[in-house]
Amino acid sequence: MIHDVDESLRELTKRDVLNGARVEISFEAPNKDWAARRNTPTLNFYLYDIREDLSRREVQFEEIRNADGRVTDRRRPPRRFKLSYLVTAWTQRPEDEHRLLSSVMSCFLRSDALPADVLRGELADQDRPIGVTVALPPGNDRSISDVWSALGGELKPSLDLVVSVPFELDRHQPVGPLVLEEPRLAMVGPDGREMGGGRRRAGTVTPAQADEPAPTAERRKGRRAGGDR
């Protein structure tokens, strides 16, 4: 699923950000070794954090219905994960880097979800939108400067791009067989036969049993002691 997000971001960036410009798109870690090898203008999308969006976790099973509207299966809803990308521009001039970052911001601020026509792989089959945010303040438990320190590089202007992706869980709950017959009730006579003919079935009640009051605690105690006649 993660590589499908990469390819979807690549497709959207080529179409709406670069618009034919000769700029490479990279997903490698932008450390010193990578920066030293770079010789062309580049937009870098570095995936630096993956964590579940606990605020959107669902616990109830989803009902799967057929064309007749009958429930055929129950499955656990997908969990949503936040994929955080550090987006940086690499050119010879800071002005060009700022223009690229500005174009990236303009592209991802247009909608709260990735366009359906750029989704690749399993993302294209999702019936839920693939949410995306850009340049929001990071949580208190992480800092962009810590990312740069871990990479061992110098701090550069960057955008924090977060994509919310559903991960399907292959967990199902079997559905019992469909009940096609309606419940049937019958009255039986003292001889154990149904009124109108037939044999007594399990679970039927005779008129005498229906009129007999429920045994009290004293009667049940007497039965245990010496039997009830």
C-alpha atoms as a PDB file:
ATOM      1  CA  MET A   1       0.000   0.000   0.000  1.00  0.00           C
ATOM      2  CA  ILE A   2       2.823   2.449   0.814  1.00  0.00           C
ATOM      3  CA  HIS A   3       4.390   2.114  -2.634  1.00  0.00           C
ATOM      4  CA  ASP A   4       0.973   2.858  -4.152  1.00  0.00           C
ATOM      5  CA  VAL A   5       0.924   6.121  -2.199  1.00  0.00           C
ATOM      6  CA  ASP A   6       4.388   6.950  -3.573  1.00  0.00           C
ATOM      7  CA  GLU A   7       3.283   6.360  -7.148  1.00  0.00           C
ATOM      8  CA  SER A   8       0.084   8.360  -6.650  1.00  0.00           C
ATOM      9  CA  LEU A   9       2.069  11.319  -5.285  1.00  0.00           C
ATOM     10  CA  ARG A  10       4.489  11.034  -8.202  1.00  0.00           C
ATOM     11  CA  GLU A  11       1.645  11.086 -10.730  1.00  0.00           C
ATOM     12  CA  LEU A  12      -0.086  14.086  -9.144  1.00  0.00           C
ATOM     13  CA  THR A  13       3.186  16.041  -8.830  1.00  0.00           C
ATOM     14  CA  LYS A  14       4.131  15.446 -12.470  1.00  0.00           C
ATOM     15  CA  ARG A  15       0.705  16.582 -13.639  1.00  0.00           C
ATOM     16  CA  ASP A  16      -0.150  19.531 -11.410  1.00  0.00           C
ATOM     17  CA  VAL A  17       3.185  20.766 -10.029  1.00  0.00           C
ATOM     18  CA  LEU A  18       5.880  20.250 -12.643  1.00  0.00           C
ATOM     19  CA  ASN A  19       3.689  20.507 -15.758  1.00  0.00           C
ATOM     20  CA  GLY A  20       6.427  19.199 -18.027  1.00  0.00           C
ATOM     21  CA  ALA A  21       9.356  20.859 -16.240  1.00  0.00           C
ATOM     22  CA  ARG A  22      12.600  18.871 -16.129  1.00  0.00           C
ATOM     23  CA  VAL A  23      12.592  18.178 -12.403  1.00  0.00           C
ATOM     24  CA  GLU A  24      13.200  14.757 -10.908  1.00  0.00           C
ATOM     25  CA  ILE A  25      11.053  13.248  -8.161  1.00  0.00           C
ATOM     26  CA  SER A  26      12.863  11.235  -5.489  1.00  0.00           C
ATOM     27  CA  PHE A  27      11.768   9.284  -2.418  1.00  0.00           C
ATOM     28  CA  GLU A  28      15.263   8.646  -1.063  1.00  0.00           C
ATOM     29  CA  ALA A  29      16.492   9.958   2.283  1.00  0.00           C
ATOM     30  CA  PRO A  30      17.906  13.464   1.614  1.00  0.00           C
ATOM     31  CA  ASN A  31      21.128  12.952   3.583  1.00  0.00           C
ATOM     32  CA  LYS A  32      24.576  14.325   2.751  1.00  0.00           C
ATOM     33  CA  ASP A  33      25.517  11.432   0.462  1.00  0.00           C
ATOM     34  CA  TRP A  34      22.325  11.802  -1.556  1.00  0.00           C
ATOM     35  CA  ALA A  35      22.737  15.590  -1.810  1.00  0.00           C
ATOM     36  CA  ALA A  36      26.329  15.149  -3.038  1.00  0.00           C
ATOM     37  CA  ARG A  37      25.184  12.838  -5.878  1.00  0.00           C
ATOM     38  CA  ARG A  38      22.356  15.102  -7.022  1.00  0.00           C
ATOM     39  CA  ASN A  39      23.063  16.984 -10.267  1.00  0.00           C
ATOM     40  CA  THR A  40      19.580  17.953 -11.503  1.00  0.00           C
ATOM     41  CA  PRO A  41      16.667  19.922  -9.976  1.00  0.00           C
ATOM     42  CA  THR A  42      14.773  17.555  -7.699  1.00  0.00           C
ATOM     43  CA  LEU A  43      11.661  17.396  -5.554  1.00  0.00           C
ATOM     44  CA  ASN A  44      12.192  14.989  -2.678  1.00  0.00           C
ATOM     45  CA  PHE A  45       9.346  13.220  -0.847  1.00  0.00           C
ATOM     46  CA  TYR A  46      10.948  11.512   2.156  1.00  0.00           C
ATOM     47  CA  LEU A  47       8.666   9.207   4.158  1.00  0.00           C
ATOM     48  CA  TYR A  48       9.872   9.785   7.720  1.00  0.00           C
ATOM     49  CA  ASP A  49       6.937   8.681   9.884  1.00  0.00           C
ATOM     50  CA  ILE A  50       4.135   6.065   9.833  1.00  0.00           C
ATOM     51  CA  ARG A  51       1.547   5.858  12.598  1.00  0.00           C
ATOM     52  CA  GLU A  52      -2.091   4.848  13.044  1.00  0.00           C
ATOM     53  CA  ASP A  53      -4.781   7.516  13.230  1.00  0.00           C
ATOM     54  CA  LEU A  54      -6.384   6.323  16.473  1.00  0.00           C
ATOM     55  CA  SER A  55      -9.070   9.016  16.343  1.00  0.00           C
ATOM     56  CA  ARG A  56     -10.585   7.304  13.282  1.00  0.00           C
ATOM     57  CA  ARG A  57     -10.396   3.660  14.379  1.00  0.00           C
ATOM     58  CA  GLU A  58     -13.679   1.775  14.014  1.00  0.00           C
ATOM     59  CA  VAL A  59     -14.420  -1.343  16.041  1.00  0.00           C
ATOM     60  CA  GLN A  60     -17.738  -2.626  14.689  1.00  0.00           C
ATOM     61  CA  PHE A  61     -17.847  -5.132  11.852  1.00  0.00           C
ATOM     62  CA  GLU A  62     -19.140  -3.935   8.490  1.00  0.00           C
ATOM     63  CA  GLU A  63     -22.025  -5.825   6.899  1.00  0.00           C
ATOM     64  CA  ILE A  64     -21.501  -7.017   3.317  1.00  0.00           C
ATOM     65  CA  ARG A  65     -24.769  -7.415   1.414  1.00  0.00           C
ATOM     66  CA  ASN A  66     -25.585  -9.071  -1.893  1.00  0.00           C
ATOM     67  CA  ALA A  67     -27.786  -7.729  -4.676  1.00  0.00           C
ATOM     68  CA  ASP A  68     -30.901  -8.800  -2.738  1.00  0.00           C
ATOM     69  CA  GLY A  69     -29.850  -6.813   0.307  1.00  0.00           C
ATOM     70  CA  ARG A  70     -29.090  -9.881   2.422  1.00  0.00           C
ATOM     71  CA  VAL A  71     -26.047  -9.936   4.697  1.00  0.00           C
ATOM     72  CA  THR A  72     -23.512 -12.419   3.325  1.00  0.00           C
ATOM     73  CA  ASP A  73     -20.428 -11.530   5.358  1.00  0.00           C
ATOM     74  CA  ARG A  74     -19.133  -9.307   8.139  1.00  0.00           C
ATOM     75  CA  ARG A  75     -15.618  -7.904   8.079  1.00  0.00           C
ATOM     76  CA  ARG A  76     -13.478  -5.739  10.311  1.00  0.00           C
ATOM     77  CA  PRO A  77     -13.296  -2.141   9.005  1.00  0.00           C
ATOM     78  CA  PRO A  78      -9.904  -0.960   7.753  1.00  0.00           C
ATOM     79  CA  ARG A  79      -7.533   0.971   9.980  1.00  0.00           C
ATOM     80  CA  ARG A  80      -6.296   4.342   8.800  1.00  0.00           C
ATOM     81  CA  PHE A  81      -2.614   5.235   8.975  1.00  0.00           C
ATOM     82  CA  LYS A  82      -0.903   8.588   8.562  1.00  0.00           C
ATOM     83  CA  LEU A  83       2.080   8.591   6.213  1.00  0.00           C
ATOM     84  CA  SER A  84       4.163  11.720   6.813  1.00  0.00           C
ATOM     85  CA  TYR A  85       6.458  12.979   4.041  1.00  0.00           C
ATOM     86  CA  LEU A  86       9.163  15.630   4.319  1.00  0.00           C
ATOM     87  CA  VAL A  87       8.960  17.534   1.004  1.00  0.00           C
ATOM     88  CA  THR A  88      12.035  19.515  -0.056  1.00  0.00           C
ATOM     89  CA  ALA A  89      13.212  21.161  -3.272  1.00  0.00           C
ATOM     90  CA  TRP A  90      16.824  20.917  -4.478  1.00  0.00           C
ATOM     91  CA  THR A  91      18.141  23.332  -7.103  1.00  0.00           C
ATOM     92  CA  GLN A  92      21.116  25.649  -7.582  1.00  0.00           C
ATOM     93  CA  ARG A  93      19.223  28.741  -6.415  1.00  0.00           C
ATOM     94  CA  PRO A  94      17.054  29.228  -3.309  1.00  0.00           C
ATOM     95  CA  GLU A  95      14.555  31.223  -5.385  1.00  0.00           C
ATOM     96  CA  ASP A  96      13.859  28.211  -7.599  1.00  0.00           C
ATOM     97  CA  GLU A  97      13.454  25.980  -4.552  1.00  0.00           C
ATOM     98  CA  HIS A  98      10.901  28.373  -3.098  1.00  0.00           C
ATOM     99  CA  ARG A  99       8.938  28.418  -6.362  1.00  0.00           C
ATOM    100  CA  LEU A 100       8.806  24.622  -6.391  1.00  0.00           C
ATOM    101  CA  LEU A 101       7.620  24.458  -2.783  1.00  0.00           C
ATOM    102  CA  SER A 102       5.008  27.097  -3.525  1.00  0.00           C
ATOM    103  CA  SER A 103       3.694  25.001  -6.431  1.00  0.00           C
ATOM    104  CA  VAL A 104       3.551  21.922  -4.189  1.00  0.00           C
ATOM    105  CA  MET A 105       1.553  23.834  -1.579  1.00  0.00           C
ATOM    106  CA  SER A 106      -0.857  25.150  -4.193  1.00  0.00           C
ATOM    107  CA  CYS A 107      -1.391  21.643  -5.545  1.00  0.00           C
ATOM    108  CA  PHE A 108      -2.136  19.912  -2.246  1.00  0.00           C
ATOM    109  CA  LEU A 109      -4.231  22.750  -0.788  1.00  0.00           C
ATOM    110  CA  ARG A 110      -6.834  22.424  -3.529  1.00  0.00           C
ATOM    111  CA  SER A 111      -8.500  19.393  -1.991  1.00  0.00           C
ATOM    112  CA  ASP A 112      -8.613  17.416   1.247  1.00  0.00           C
ATOM    113  CA  ALA A 113      -8.124  14.161  -0.673  1.00  0.00           C
ATOM    114  CA  LEU A 114      -5.985  12.867  -3.526  1.00  0.00           C
ATOM    115  CA  PRO A 115      -7.824  13.025  -6.880  1.00  0.00           C
ATOM    116  CA  ALA A 116      -9.279   9.680  -7.907  1.00  0.00           C
ATOM    117  CA  ASP A 117      -7.650   9.783 -11.363  1.00  0.00           C
ATOM    118  CA  VAL A 118      -4.099   9.771  -9.932  1.00  0.00           C
ATOM    119  CA  LEU A 119      -4.568   6.869  -7.518  1.00  0.00           C
ATOM    120  CA  ARG A 120      -2.482   3.809  -8.329  1.00  0.00           C
ATOM    121  CA  GLY A 121      -2.532   0.148  -7.309  1.00  0.00           C
ATOM    122  CA  GLU A 122      -4.776  -0.807  -4.413  1.00  0.00           C
ATOM    123  CA  LEU A 123      -5.642   2.834  -3.757  1.00  0.00           C
ATOM    124  CA  ALA A 124      -7.629   2.946  -6.978  1.00  0.00           C
ATOM    125  CA  ASP A 125      -9.975   0.258  -5.617  1.00  0.00           C
ATOM    126  CA  GLN A 126     -10.746   2.074  -2.366  1.00  0.00           C
ATOM    127  CA  ASP A 127     -14.273   3.339  -1.834  1.00  0.00           C
ATOM    128  CA  ARG A 128     -13.034   5.784   0.819  1.00  0.00           C
ATOM    129  CA  PRO A 129     -11.216   9.046   0.021  1.00  0.00           C
ATOM    130  CA  ILE A 130      -7.457   9.181   0.521  1.00  0.00           C
ATOM    131  CA  GLY A 131      -7.109  12.237   2.747  1.00  0.00           C
ATOM    132  CA  VAL A 132      -4.135  14.584   2.492  1.00  0.00           C
ATOM    133  CA  THR A 133      -2.938  17.631   4.443  1.00  0.00           C
ATOM    134  CA  VAL A 134       0.037  19.910   3.897  1.00  0.00           C
ATOM    135  CA  ALA A 135       2.014  22.312   6.082  1.00  0.00           C
ATOM    136  CA  LEU A 136       0.069  21.639   9.280  1.00  0.00           C
ATOM    137  CA  PRO A 137       1.960  21.978  12.583  1.00  0.00           C
ATOM    138  CA  PRO A 138       3.465  18.624  13.595  1.00  0.00           C
ATOM    139  CA  GLY A 139       2.450  16.949  16.844  1.00  0.00           C
ATOM    140  CA  ASN A 140       4.158  17.660  20.126  1.00  0.00           C
ATOM    141  CA  ASP A 141       5.838  14.256  20.044  1.00  0.00           C
ATOM    142  CA  ARG A 142       7.883  14.952  16.925  1.00  0.00           C
ATOM    143  CA  SER A 143       9.751  17.839  15.285  1.00  0.00           C
ATOM    144  CA  ILE A 144      10.976  18.464  11.751  1.00  0.00           C
ATOM    145  CA  SER A 145      14.323  19.626  13.121  1.00  0.00           C
ATOM    146  CA  ASP A 146      14.740  16.198  14.736  1.00  0.00           C
ATOM    147  CA  VAL A 147      14.282  14.618  11.308  1.00  0.00           C
ATOM    148  CA  TRP A 148      17.049  16.764   9.865  1.00  0.00           C
ATOM    149  CA  SER A 149      19.309  15.912  12.792  1.00  0.00           C
ATOM    150  CA  ALA A 150      18.716  12.208  12.186  1.00  0.00           C
ATOM    151  CA  LEU A 151      19.524  12.647   8.493  1.00  0.00           C
ATOM    152  CA  GLY A 152      22.774  14.433   9.323  1.00  0.00           C
ATOM    153  CA  GLY A 153      22.065  17.249   6.880  1.00  0.00           C
ATOM    154  CA  GLU A 154      21.598  20.984   7.071  1.00  0.00           C
ATOM    155  CA  LEU A 155      18.132  22.378   7.737  1.00  0.00           C
ATOM    156  CA  LYS A 156      16.259  23.384   4.558  1.00  0.00           C
ATOM    157  CA  PRO A 157      12.818  24.864   3.844  1.00  0.00           C
ATOM    158  CA  SER A 158      10.388  21.953   3.796  1.00  0.00           C
ATOM    159  CA  LEU A 159       6.713  20.999   3.797  1.00  0.00           C
ATOM    160  CA  ASP A 160       5.088  18.399   6.018  1.00  0.00           C
ATOM    161  CA  LEU A 161       2.770  16.337   3.776  1.00  0.00           C
ATOM    162  CA  VAL A 162       0.506  13.773   5.493  1.00  0.00           C
ATOM    163  CA  VAL A 163      -1.522  11.160   3.598  1.00  0.00           C
ATOM    164  CA  SER A 164      -4.237   9.203   5.430  1.00  0.00           C
ATOM    165  CA  VAL A 165      -4.451   5.674   4.022  1.00  0.00           C
ATOM    166  CA  PRO A 166      -6.869   2.829   4.898  1.00  0.00           C
ATOM    167  CA  PHE A 167      -5.254  -0.567   5.429  1.00  0.00           C
ATOM    168  CA  GLU A 168      -7.659  -3.454   4.844  1.00  0.00           C
ATOM    169  CA  LEU A 169      -7.705  -6.224   7.465  1.00  0.00           C
ATOM    170  CA  ASP A 170      -8.375  -9.760   6.283  1.00  0.00           C
ATOM    171  CA  ARG A 171     -10.590 -10.552   9.254  1.00  0.00           C
ATOM    172  CA  HIS A 172     -14.114 -11.825   8.711  1.00  0.00           C
ATOM    173  CA  GLN A 173     -16.977 -12.963  10.912  1.00  0.00           C
ATOM    174  CA  PRO A 174     -19.013 -15.833   9.413  1.00  0.00           C
ATOM    175  CA  VAL A 175     -22.704 -15.294   8.866  1.00  0.00           C
ATOM    176  CA  GLY A 176     -25.187 -17.985   9.902  1.00  0.00           C
ATOM    177  CA  PRO A 177     -27.439 -19.723   7.346  1.00  0.00           C
ATOM    178  CA  LEU A 178     -30.426 -17.779   6.105  1.00  0.00           C
ATOM    179  CA  VAL A 179     -33.726 -18.712   7.795  1.00  0.00           C
ATOM    180  CA  LEU A 180     -36.254 -19.394   5.048  1.00  0.00           C
ATOM    181  CA  GLU A 181     -39.150 -20.927   7.069  1.00  0.00           C
ATOM    182  CA  GLU A 182     -41.501 -19.032   9.340  1.00  0.00           C
ATOM    183  CA  PRO A 183     -41.994 -20.272  12.922  1.00  0.00           C
ATOM    184  CA  ARG A 184     -44.982 -22.638  13.374  1.00  0.00           C
ATOM    185  CA  LEU A 185     -47.072 -23.176  16.526  1.00  0.00           C
ATOM    186  CA  ALA A 186     -49.442 -26.061  17.236  1.00  0.00           C
ATOM    187  CA  MET A 187     -51.761 -27.262  19.999  1.00  0.00           C
ATOM    188  CA  VAL A 188     -51.867 -30.946  20.985  1.00  0.00           C
ATOM    189  CA  GLY A 189     -54.501 -32.921  22.800  1.00  0.00           C
ATOM    190  CA  PRO A 190     -54.161 -35.081  25.924  1.00  0.00           C
ATOM    191  CA  ASP A 191     -53.149 -38.019  23.741  1.00  0.00           C
ATOM    192  CA  GLY A 192     -50.107 -36.152  22.494  1.00  0.00           C
ATOM    193  CA  ARG A 193     -51.457 -35.640  18.973  1.00  0.00           C
ATOM    194  CA  GLU A 194     -51.927 -32.347  17.234  1.00  0.00           C
ATOM    195  CA  MET A 195     -55.453 -31.087  17.112  1.00  0.00           C
ATOM    196  CA  GLY A 196     -56.470 -31.978  13.601  1.00  0.00           C
ATOM    197  CA  GLY A 197     -54.113 -34.960  13.274  1.00  0.00           C
ATOM    198  CA  GLY A 198     -50.386 -35.545  13.247  1.00  0.00           C
ATOM    199  CA  ARG A 199     -47.784 -36.421  15.827  1.00  0.00           C
ATOM    200  CA  ARG A 200     -46.611 -34.398  18.738  1.00  0.00           C
ATOM    201  CA  ARG A 201     -43.461 -32.416  17.986  1.00  0.00           C
ATOM    202  CA  ALA A 202     -40.723 -31.348  20.355  1.00  0.00           C
ATOM    203  CA  GLY A 203     -41.499 -28.053  21.998  1.00  0.00           C
ATOM    204  CA  THR A 204     -45.322 -28.336  21.734  1.00  0.00           C
ATOM    205  CA  VAL A 205     -47.513 -27.767  24.748  1.00  0.00           C
ATOM    206  CA  THR A 206     -50.673 -29.626  25.735  1.00  0.00           C
ATOM    207  CA  PRO A 207     -53.710 -27.683  26.958  1.00  0.00           C
ATOM    208  CA  ALA A 208     -53.277 -29.248  30.417  1.00  0.00           C
ATOM    209  CA  GLN A 209     -49.680 -28.096  30.550  1.00  0.00           C
ATOM    210  CA  ALA A 210     -50.641 -24.632  29.354  1.00  0.00           C
ATOM    211  CA  ASP A 211     -53.258 -24.279  32.157  1.00  0.00           C
ATOM    212  CA  GLU A 212     -51.033 -25.756  34.886  1.00  0.00           C
ATOM    213  CA  PRO A 213     -49.636 -23.020  37.164  1.00  0.00           C
ATOM    214  CA  ALA A 214     -45.916 -22.684  37.573  1.00  0.00           C
ATOM    215  CA  PRO A 215     -44.608 -24.663  40.574  1.00  0.00           C
ATOM    216  CA  THR A 216     -43.958 -22.646  43.682  1.00  0.00           C
ATOM    217  CA  ALA A 217     -40.836 -22.885  45.803  1.00  0.00           C
ATOM    218  CA  GLU A 218     -42.704 -25.070  48.364  1.00  0.00           C
ATOM    219  CA  ARG A 219     -43.860 -27.510  45.667  1.00  0.00           C
ATOM    220  CA  ARG A 220     -40.374 -27.781  44.212  1.00  0.00           C
ATOM    221  CA  LYS A 221     -39.010 -28.446  47.709  1.00  0.00           C
ATOM    222  CA  GLY A 222     -41.611 -31.171  48.288  1.00  0.00           C
ATOM    223  CA  ARG A 223     -40.701 -32.823  44.994  1.00  0.00           C
ATOM    224  CA  ARG A 224     -37.078 -33.047  45.978  1.00  0.00           C
ATOM    225  CA  ALA A 225     -37.963 -34.452  49.407  1.00  0.00           C
ATOM    226  CA  GLY A 226     -40.540 -37.111  48.532  1.00  0.00           C
ATOM    227  CA  GLY A 227     -41.814 -36.531  45.063  1.00  0.00           C
ATOM    228  CA  ASP A 228     -44.950 -34.709  43.881  1.00  0.00           C
ATOM    229  CA  ARG A 229     -48.010 -36.814  43.270  1.00  0.00           C
END
